[in-house]
Amino acid sequence: MNALVVGVSADKPEVQQRFIDKFRLTFPMLSDADKRVIDAYGARAVLGVAATRSTFLIGPDGRIAFVWPKVKLEGHAGAVVEKIRELAGAAATADASG
């Protein structure tokens, strides 16, 4: 689907590695201890101070295309795939008409 999955958290790399190992993640995790990425995308404004897992779908233009705050793992991957397909279809329609 031409999508790249990357995890980002403010945790230190050694904490992230334990998380990666525990859940057998197959995508990279990036440490954003100084919160530059989090702030650049306005994630703190979206999430407030709550420590929840959230998903941000970033479009090809580098902007946030969709946000899932307070992610529940069950069914989440399917929802993300569905949204990527939806946005890709909308982009293809726009390209064809424009």
C-alpha atoms as a PDB file:
ATOM      1  CA  MET A   1       0.000   0.000   0.000  1.00  0.00           C
ATOM      2  CA  ASN A   2       3.080   2.210  -0.184  1.00  0.00           C
ATOM      3  CA  ALA A   3       2.807   3.095   3.517  1.00  0.00           C
ATOM      4  CA  LEU A   4       5.611   3.210   6.061  1.00  0.00           C
ATOM      5  CA  VAL A   5       4.884   2.317   9.686  1.00  0.00           C
ATOM      6  CA  VAL A   6       7.073   3.957  12.315  1.00  0.00           C
ATOM      7  CA  GLY A   7       6.547   4.175  16.057  1.00  0.00           C
ATOM      8  CA  VAL A   8       7.533   7.367  17.838  1.00  0.00           C
ATOM      9  CA  SER A   9       7.637   7.888  21.576  1.00  0.00           C
ATOM     10  CA  ALA A  10       9.385  10.095  24.083  1.00  0.00           C
ATOM     11  CA  ASP A  11      10.854   6.990  25.717  1.00  0.00           C
ATOM     12  CA  LYS A  12      14.580   6.393  25.682  1.00  0.00           C
ATOM     13  CA  PRO A  13      15.834   3.810  23.167  1.00  0.00           C
ATOM     14  CA  GLU A  14      16.476   1.152  25.832  1.00  0.00           C
ATOM     15  CA  VAL A  15      12.866   1.435  27.057  1.00  0.00           C
ATOM     16  CA  GLN A  16      11.641   1.249  23.476  1.00  0.00           C
ATOM     17  CA  GLN A  17      13.731  -1.859  22.835  1.00  0.00           C
ATOM     18  CA  ARG A  18      12.067  -3.662  25.737  1.00  0.00           C
ATOM     19  CA  PHE A  19       8.678  -2.657  24.277  1.00  0.00           C
ATOM     20  CA  ILE A  20       9.732  -3.869  20.799  1.00  0.00           C
ATOM     21  CA  ASP A  21      10.925  -7.183  22.235  1.00  0.00           C
ATOM     22  CA  LYS A  22       7.844  -7.676  24.413  1.00  0.00           C
ATOM     23  CA  PHE A  23       5.373  -7.113  21.578  1.00  0.00           C
ATOM     24  CA  ARG A  24       7.602  -8.446  18.769  1.00  0.00           C
ATOM     25  CA  LEU A  25       7.202  -5.314  16.702  1.00  0.00           C
ATOM     26  CA  THR A  26       8.294  -5.530  13.087  1.00  0.00           C
ATOM     27  CA  PHE A  27       8.566  -1.789  12.457  1.00  0.00           C
ATOM     28  CA  PRO A  28      11.097   0.753  13.693  1.00  0.00           C
ATOM     29  CA  MET A  29      10.564   2.803  16.826  1.00  0.00           C
ATOM     30  CA  LEU A  30      12.049   6.284  16.986  1.00  0.00           C
ATOM     31  CA  SER A  31      12.999   7.929  20.255  1.00  0.00           C
ATOM     32  CA  ASP A  32      11.791  11.514  20.533  1.00  0.00           C
ATOM     33  CA  ALA A  33      13.032  12.238  24.051  1.00  0.00           C
ATOM     34  CA  ASP A  34      13.200  15.971  23.392  1.00  0.00           C
ATOM     35  CA  LYS A  35       9.686  15.834  21.863  1.00  0.00           C
ATOM     36  CA  ARG A  36      10.682  17.665  18.675  1.00  0.00           C
ATOM     37  CA  VAL A  37       8.646  15.364  16.419  1.00  0.00           C
ATOM     38  CA  ILE A  38       5.745  15.278  18.867  1.00  0.00           C
ATOM     39  CA  ASP A  39       5.677  19.063  18.942  1.00  0.00           C
ATOM     40  CA  ALA A  40       6.252  19.478  15.198  1.00  0.00           C
ATOM     41  CA  TYR A  41       3.073  17.516  14.515  1.00  0.00           C
ATOM     42  CA  GLY A  42       1.156  19.168  17.330  1.00  0.00           C
ATOM     43  CA  ALA A  43       0.663  15.801  18.976  1.00  0.00           C
ATOM     44  CA  ARG A  44       0.720  17.220  22.485  1.00  0.00           C
ATOM     45  CA  ALA A  45      -2.068  19.596  21.534  1.00  0.00           C
ATOM     46  CA  VAL A  46      -4.089  16.652  20.194  1.00  0.00           C
ATOM     47  CA  LEU A  47      -3.324  14.335  23.083  1.00  0.00           C
ATOM     48  CA  GLY A  48      -3.086  16.799  25.931  1.00  0.00           C
ATOM     49  CA  VAL A  49      -1.149  15.372  28.835  1.00  0.00           C
ATOM     50  CA  ALA A  50      -2.799  11.936  28.751  1.00  0.00           C
ATOM     51  CA  ALA A  51      -0.336   9.095  28.342  1.00  0.00           C
ATOM     52  CA  THR A  52      -2.250   7.070  25.774  1.00  0.00           C
ATOM     53  CA  ARG A  53      -1.295   5.253  22.643  1.00  0.00           C
ATOM     54  CA  SER A  54      -2.422   7.104  19.581  1.00  0.00           C
ATOM     55  CA  THR A  55      -1.958   6.685  15.857  1.00  0.00           C
ATOM     56  CA  PHE A  56      -1.266   9.544  13.483  1.00  0.00           C
ATOM     57  CA  LEU A  57      -1.597   8.861   9.781  1.00  0.00           C
ATOM     58  CA  ILE A  58       0.751  11.204   7.973  1.00  0.00           C
ATOM     59  CA  GLY A  59      -0.033  11.941   4.333  1.00  0.00           C
ATOM     60  CA  PRO A  60       2.485  12.171   1.503  1.00  0.00           C
ATOM     61  CA  ASP A  61       2.531  15.942   2.069  1.00  0.00           C
ATOM     62  CA  GLY A  62       3.911  15.405   5.590  1.00  0.00           C
ATOM     63  CA  ARG A  63       0.712  16.601   7.279  1.00  0.00           C
ATOM     64  CA  ILE A  64      -1.526  14.707   9.644  1.00  0.00           C
ATOM     65  CA  ALA A  65      -4.285  13.105   7.572  1.00  0.00           C
ATOM     66  CA  PHE A  66      -6.093  11.277  10.387  1.00  0.00           C
ATOM     67  CA  VAL A  67      -5.754  10.709  14.143  1.00  0.00           C
ATOM     68  CA  TRP A  68      -6.858   7.810  16.303  1.00  0.00           C
ATOM     69  CA  PRO A  69      -6.587   8.963  19.932  1.00  0.00           C
ATOM     70  CA  LYS A  70      -6.646   6.355  22.698  1.00  0.00           C
ATOM     71  CA  VAL A  71      -6.003   3.337  20.485  1.00  0.00           C
ATOM     72  CA  LYS A  72      -7.400  -0.066  21.422  1.00  0.00           C
ATOM     73  CA  LEU A  73      -5.302  -2.780  19.816  1.00  0.00           C
ATOM     74  CA  GLU A  74      -8.139  -5.067  18.728  1.00  0.00           C
ATOM     75  CA  GLY A  75      -9.167  -4.145  15.207  1.00  0.00           C
ATOM     76  CA  HIS A  76      -6.895  -1.119  15.051  1.00  0.00           C
ATOM     77  CA  ALA A  77      -4.579  -2.341  12.292  1.00  0.00           C
ATOM     78  CA  GLY A  78      -7.603  -3.035  10.098  1.00  0.00           C
ATOM     79  CA  ALA A  79      -8.978   0.444  10.738  1.00  0.00           C
ATOM     80  CA  VAL A  80      -5.668   1.999   9.736  1.00  0.00           C
ATOM     81  CA  VAL A  81      -5.488  -0.075   6.551  1.00  0.00           C
ATOM     82  CA  GLU A  82      -9.076   0.902   5.709  1.00  0.00           C
ATOM     83  CA  LYS A  83      -8.298   4.612   6.199  1.00  0.00           C
ATOM     84  CA  ILE A  84      -5.151   4.379   4.040  1.00  0.00           C
ATOM     85  CA  ARG A  85      -7.213   2.767   1.264  1.00  0.00           C
ATOM     86  CA  GLU A  86      -9.914   5.413   1.664  1.00  0.00           C
ATOM     87  CA  LEU A  87      -7.420   8.271   1.442  1.00  0.00           C
ATOM     88  CA  ALA A  88      -5.585   6.643  -1.472  1.00  0.00           C
ATOM     89  CA  GLY A  89      -8.889   6.268  -3.318  1.00  0.00           C
ATOM     90  CA  ALA A  90      -9.782   9.894  -2.688  1.00  0.00           C
ATOM     91  CA  ALA A  91      -6.363  11.003  -3.924  1.00  0.00           C
ATOM     92  CA  ALA A  92      -6.682   8.872  -7.064  1.00  0.00           C
ATOM     93  CA  THR A  93     -10.131  10.353  -7.758  1.00  0.00           C
ATOM     94  CA  ALA A  94      -8.788  13.882  -7.289  1.00  0.00           C
ATOM     95  CA  ASP A  95      -5.856  13.177  -9.621  1.00  0.00           C
ATOM     96  CA  ALA A  96      -8.167  11.779 -12.299  1.00  0.00           C
ATOM     97  CA  SER A  97     -10.504  14.772 -12.166  1.00  0.00           C
ATOM     98  CA  GLY A  98      -7.882  17.454 -11.770  1.00  0.00           C
END
